[in-house]
Protein backbone atom coordinates (compact mmCIF):
# COMPACT_ATOMS: atom_id res chain seq x y z
CA UNK A 1 65.75 92.35 106.87
CA UNK A 2 69.16 91.84 106.08
CA UNK A 3 72.24 93.97 106.81
CA UNK A 4 75.13 94.35 104.43
CA UNK A 5 78.36 94.25 106.35
CA UNK A 6 81.50 95.74 105.09
CA UNK A 7 84.14 93.44 105.11
CA UNK A 8 87.58 94.12 103.79
CA UNK A 9 87.60 92.09 100.97
CA UNK A 10 84.31 94.05 99.82
CA UNK A 11 86.01 97.15 100.44
CA UNK A 12 88.91 96.13 98.53
CA UNK A 13 86.78 95.18 95.70
CA UNK A 14 84.76 98.37 95.69
CA UNK A 15 88.14 100.37 95.32
CA UNK A 16 89.32 98.11 92.57
CA UNK A 17 86.50 98.69 90.62
CA UNK A 18 86.54 102.38 91.24
CA UNK A 19 89.91 102.42 90.27
CA UNK A 20 89.02 100.30 87.14
CA UNK A 21 86.42 102.88 86.38
CA UNK A 22 88.44 105.99 86.41
CA UNK A 23 91.84 104.71 84.90
CA UNK A 24 90.65 105.23 81.39
CA UNK A 25 89.48 108.64 82.24
CA UNK A 26 93.01 109.42 83.63
CA UNK A 27 94.38 108.02 80.33
CA UNK A 28 92.57 109.97 78.22
CA UNK A 29 93.25 113.43 79.86
CA UNK A 30 96.88 112.56 80.27
CA UNK A 31 97.13 111.71 76.62
CA UNK A 32 95.22 114.81 75.50
CA UNK A 33 97.72 117.05 77.47
CA UNK A 34 100.75 114.94 76.30
CA UNK A 35 100.19 114.64 72.45
CA UNK A 36 99.94 118.57 71.74
CA UNK A 37 102.81 119.14 74.12
CA UNK A 38 105.24 116.95 72.43
CA UNK A 39 104.09 117.94 68.87
CA UNK A 40 102.53 114.71 67.95
CA UNK A 41 98.91 116.85 67.39
CA UNK A 42 98.80 120.62 65.99
CA UNK A 43 97.87 122.52 68.71
CA UNK A 44 95.06 124.53 66.59
CA UNK A 45 93.34 121.31 66.29
CA UNK A 46 93.69 119.75 70.10
CA UNK A 47 94.81 122.25 72.58
CA UNK A 48 96.44 120.58 75.90
CA UNK A 49 93.74 119.47 78.79
CA UNK A 50 95.24 122.36 80.87
CA UNK A 51 94.84 125.15 78.32
CA UNK A 52 90.84 123.93 77.64
CA UNK A 53 90.80 124.08 81.49
CA UNK A 54 92.03 127.26 81.88
CA UNK A 55 89.71 128.68 79.03
CA UNK A 56 86.16 127.17 80.71
CA UNK A 57 87.51 128.97 83.90
CA UNK A 58 87.73 132.27 82.17
CA UNK A 59 84.20 131.89 80.92
CA UNK A 60 82.74 131.16 84.44
CA UNK A 61 79.97 133.88 85.18
CA UNK A 62 81.75 135.13 87.74
CA UNK A 63 85.05 135.50 86.13
CA UNK A 64 83.55 137.36 83.66
CA UNK A 65 81.44 139.63 85.35
CA UNK A 66 83.92 140.83 88.06
CA UNK A 67 87.06 139.21 87.30
CA UNK A 68 87.43 137.87 90.83
CA UNK A 69 88.93 135.14 92.03
CA UNK A 70 85.93 132.81 92.98
């Protein structure tokens, strides 16, 4: 039975892989938010990401039924 020991080099590599994996999502969301706000895309066809999130939150069952803040 072998034991894997977490060394600083392995931890750094893990963080680098996680960062590289999530940077595309961050860039995508940033562009989604910025393009409609800058007027490069019509808001009718592509609303800003924050507006979409707010709409999704407003459609959650708790919010729709009782109006409470969950």
